[in-house]
């Protein structure tokens, strides 16, 4: 792949060199054509004054003067030369001698409107190449006569002066146009050559771009192959590392197999005792909370256990239970009790039992706390989770409660009296509604999830 890539790069370099050479030639040709166009426009600009004078001469003519001129039986000397020049210029061409006599001039001016219209359109005919060159050759001898000028004609006839002015200026325009015409042809040829050069340049650029695209495609493929190779090598190295770690893990866990088997055996042995332990724990949480230590022990040892063990007359038979038969060992453990103690819960049996009931009950527990030990313990335990403490009647009570419910944050509402605000009743009563997997609770006029 690398050899093919280098070969295509060499081809692309050759195509680029050719394209640059052709582009340089096209640029030179474009400069030459631009210069030629500028010269033609300059020469044509020189003819503009002559056209303006010819137009002004035609504007000076009027039908009355022309009518008087053509009605002359014999015009003053020189006027017939001016009208004869008009006859020569307006002749459509062809073989045979042209009659430029005064009689022929009168015939030409017979329809004055048509005569003036032909003079007005004469410049367009010159531009379109419709005027024979012989017409202007025929008038050259007349132009050389000393009386063939505007001033001389003006003294004889204003109409003849206007026609003389038009003939002189239209001749200037013809001469300039004749000199420019070869340049126009050359410019047209140059434009054709320029278009061919531009096309050749575009073709060369297209070839260069195609070669560069091929090089780019091969480069991308080569880079992708190199990247894939590196990724495969990296994956192989990662797999080798994982295999090594797995082997080490398997060696380390081999000694754990015996312990896991013992644990499974222990759990299988405890599983049948779960029902009795759960009954004892739920009875403890449900009924023992409102009593002191003496009555709690009496309920547990003289009521709950005899019934569950089948020793009570009302019992329907014994239920399998663990050997400890202690609700605290079922509901909590030493680590959790130590954590409560660090948060300020007293370490005596009755306080630990109270903490266990608070942590495991399904409903809100009523805590009689004259020494404020319970509230202190709850605040310390929940402050790490972003506890909010509010009082009933505060303006921010509802917003803070809503935020706590939405984000799962703990909140303590202090100073609640014997009656509960209707807004708080759904929260305190845990009156929730379910929609699919989402649980909502009513808070004022809102439903909070």
Foldseek 3Di string as FASTA:
>chain_A
DVVVLVVLVVVLVVLVVVLVVLVVVLVVLVVVLVVLVVVLVVLLVVLVVLVVQLVVLLVLDDPVLLVVVLPDPDAPPLLLLLLLLLQLFLDQDDDDDGDSGSVVSSVLCVPVVVNSVCLVCSVVCLVVVRTDPVSLVVSVVSCPDPCLALVNVVVRGSNSSSSSSNSVSVSVSSVSCVVSVVSVVVSVVSVVVSVVSVVVSVVSVVVSVVSVVVSVVVVVVVVVVVVVVVVVVVVVVVVVVVVVVVVVVCVVCVVVPVVVVVVVVVCVVCVQQVVLLVQLLVCLLPPVPVDDPVVSCCCQPVPSVCQQCVNDPPHPHHGRHDPVSDNCVVQHDPVVLVVLVVQQQDNDPSSSSNVSSCVDPPAHDDDDCPPCRVVSSVCSVQVVQPEAEEEPPDPCPLVVVLVCLQVVHHYHYPDDDPDDDPQCVQVNVVVWDDDPPDIWTGGPPDTHD
